[in-house]
Protein backbone atom coordinates (compact mmCIF):
# COMPACT_ATOMS: atom_id res chain seq x y z
CA MET A 1 33.25 -69.61 31.27
CA LYS A 2 34.31 -66.06 31.20
CA LYS A 3 34.93 -64.26 27.81
CA SER A 4 37.40 -61.75 28.96
CA PRO A 5 41.16 -62.37 29.12
CA LEU A 6 41.19 -62.09 32.92
CA LEU A 7 40.57 -65.68 34.45
CA ASN A 8 42.11 -65.68 37.92
CA ILE A 9 39.17 -65.68 40.57
CA ALA A 10 40.60 -63.29 42.97
CA LEU A 11 41.50 -60.61 40.18
CA SER A 12 38.13 -60.78 39.01
CA GLN A 13 36.51 -60.27 42.35
CA LEU A 14 38.84 -57.44 42.99
CA MET A 15 38.20 -55.64 39.61
CA ALA A 16 34.43 -56.24 40.00
CA SER A 17 34.72 -54.71 43.71
CA LEU A 18 36.58 -51.45 42.74
CA GLY A 19 35.13 -47.93 43.06
CA HIS A 20 36.06 -44.72 41.66
CA GLY A 21 39.54 -43.56 43.52
CA ASP A 22 40.57 -47.00 44.77
CA SER A 23 44.14 -48.05 43.95
CA VAL A 24 45.57 -51.34 43.16
CA VAL A 25 49.40 -52.03 43.11
CA ILE A 26 50.94 -54.21 40.67
CA GLY A 27 54.45 -54.87 41.95
CA ASP A 28 57.55 -57.04 41.20
CA ALA A 29 58.54 -59.90 43.29
CA GLY A 30 60.59 -57.83 45.56
CA LEU A 31 58.02 -55.05 46.64
CA PRO A 32 57.06 -55.18 50.15
CA VAL A 33 53.39 -55.52 51.00
CA GLN A 34 52.13 -53.72 54.11
CA PRO A 35 50.45 -56.05 56.64
CA GLY A 36 46.69 -55.80 56.32
CA VAL A 37 46.89 -54.97 52.36
CA PRO A 38 45.26 -57.96 50.73
CA LEU A 39 47.83 -59.74 48.69
CA ILE A 40 46.99 -61.76 45.40
CA ASP A 41 50.34 -63.33 44.86
CA LEU A 42 50.54 -64.58 41.41
CA ALA A 43 54.33 -65.22 41.33
CA LEU A 44 55.29 -68.63 40.49
CA THR A 45 59.15 -68.43 39.64
CA ARG A 46 61.41 -65.59 38.54
CA GLY A 47 59.91 -63.69 35.67
CA VAL A 48 56.58 -65.58 35.59
CA PRO A 49 54.10 -64.19 35.32
CA GLY A 50 55.78 -60.88 34.08
CA PHE A 51 54.98 -57.50 34.89
CA MET A 52 53.72 -56.52 31.60
CA ASP A 53 51.56 -59.35 31.04
CA THR A 54 49.69 -58.71 34.51
CA LEU A 55 49.36 -55.05 33.71
CA GLN A 56 47.72 -55.81 30.57
CA THR A 57 45.53 -58.24 31.71
CA VAL A 58 44.22 -55.89 34.69
CA LEU A 59 43.82 -53.27 32.13
CA SER A 60 41.47 -55.13 29.91
CA GLU A 61 39.13 -55.34 33.09
CA MET A 62 39.95 -51.85 34.91
CA GLN A 63 39.01 -48.43 34.04
CA VAL A 64 42.14 -46.22 35.18
CA GLU A 65 41.77 -42.45 35.89
CA HIS A 66 45.47 -42.18 36.72
CA HIS A 67 48.68 -44.10 37.56
CA LEU A 68 51.85 -43.80 39.72
CA LEU A 69 55.26 -44.99 39.06
CA ALA A 70 58.69 -44.56 41.03
CA ALA A 71 60.84 -42.02 39.49
CA GLU A 72 63.67 -44.65 39.80
CA LEU A 73 61.89 -46.94 37.05
CA ALA A 74 62.84 -44.42 34.21
CA GLN A 75 66.51 -44.52 35.17
CA HIS A 76 67.11 -48.23 36.21
CA SER A 77 64.67 -50.03 33.56
CA PRO A 78 64.10 -47.56 30.79
CA GLN A 79 63.00 -50.38 28.52
CA LEU A 80 60.15 -50.95 31.05
CA ALA A 81 59.32 -47.42 31.38
CA ALA A 82 58.83 -47.11 27.63
CA GLN A 83 56.69 -50.22 27.62
CA ILE A 84 54.46 -48.64 30.18
CA ALA A 85 54.11 -45.53 28.38
CA ALA A 86 53.33 -47.01 25.06
CA LEU A 87 50.30 -48.41 26.74
CA GLY A 88 48.86 -44.76 26.91
CA LEU A 89 47.44 -44.78 30.17
CA PRO A 90 46.03 -41.48 31.52
CA ASP A 91 47.75 -39.02 33.85
CA LYS A 92 50.95 -40.28 34.90
CA LYS A 93 52.11 -39.21 38.27
CA ILE A 94 56.02 -40.02 39.18
CA LEU A 95 57.14 -39.89 42.72
CA PRO A 96 60.13 -41.22 44.65
CA HIS A 97 60.15 -45.05 45.25
CA ALA A 98 59.90 -44.35 49.26
CA ASP A 99 56.73 -42.45 48.46
CA PHE A 100 55.31 -44.97 46.09
CA LYS A 101 56.00 -47.72 48.84
CA ARG A 102 54.33 -45.51 51.33
CA LEU A 103 51.13 -44.69 49.22
CA SER A 104 50.88 -48.56 48.38
CA GLN A 105 50.15 -49.08 51.94
CA SER A 106 46.75 -47.79 51.36
CA ALA A 107 45.82 -49.92 48.19
CA ARG A 108 42.70 -51.92 48.25
CA ALA A 109 45.27 -55.09 46.97
CA HIS A 110 48.41 -55.63 45.86
CA ILE A 111 49.11 -58.02 42.87
CA ARG A 112 52.53 -59.69 43.07
CA THR A 113 54.08 -60.76 40.16
CA GLY A 114 57.41 -62.96 39.43
CA GLU A 115 59.07 -60.03 37.64
CA CYS A 116 62.48 -59.25 38.91
CA THR A 117 63.07 -56.12 36.69
CA PRO A 118 64.09 -53.18 39.08
CA TYR A 119 61.18 -50.85 40.14
CA ALA A 120 58.74 -52.87 37.76
CA ASN A 121 55.74 -51.31 40.01
CA ILE A 122 52.86 -49.29 39.52
CA ILE A 123 49.91 -47.93 41.08
CA LEU A 124 46.72 -47.76 39.15
CA VAL A 125 43.64 -45.60 40.41
CA ALA A 126 40.37 -46.46 39.61
CA GLY A 127 38.09 -44.14 37.29
CA VAL A 128 34.64 -44.68 36.30
CA VAL A 129 33.30 -45.94 32.76
CA PHE A 130 30.52 -43.17 32.84
């Protein structure tokens, strides 16, 4: 049995397949997923699993070079924005939500959570460990 926190098979396969510059979206329950982008749907019910639990678990396996957030997050969900900032992720890029959704279309995969907090979405761009 795996020793690391990530137990989900689909997420483990995704993490193992990432290369430098590949992007992964972790999204709330309402973020649209473009046809053709693989979806790992973890949503069970409202709030389960939560965005932060999912993000922290993915971060236990993924080397992140930079991350992208919608500008609207800070205004509509300042508490969540502060929780993300406290993680100390490298090189934050802020962009309008419409641009965020457009960029999410080119992600390697989209991870849907049960989160129902407005703009609880992030794009993680893979770095390298060497």
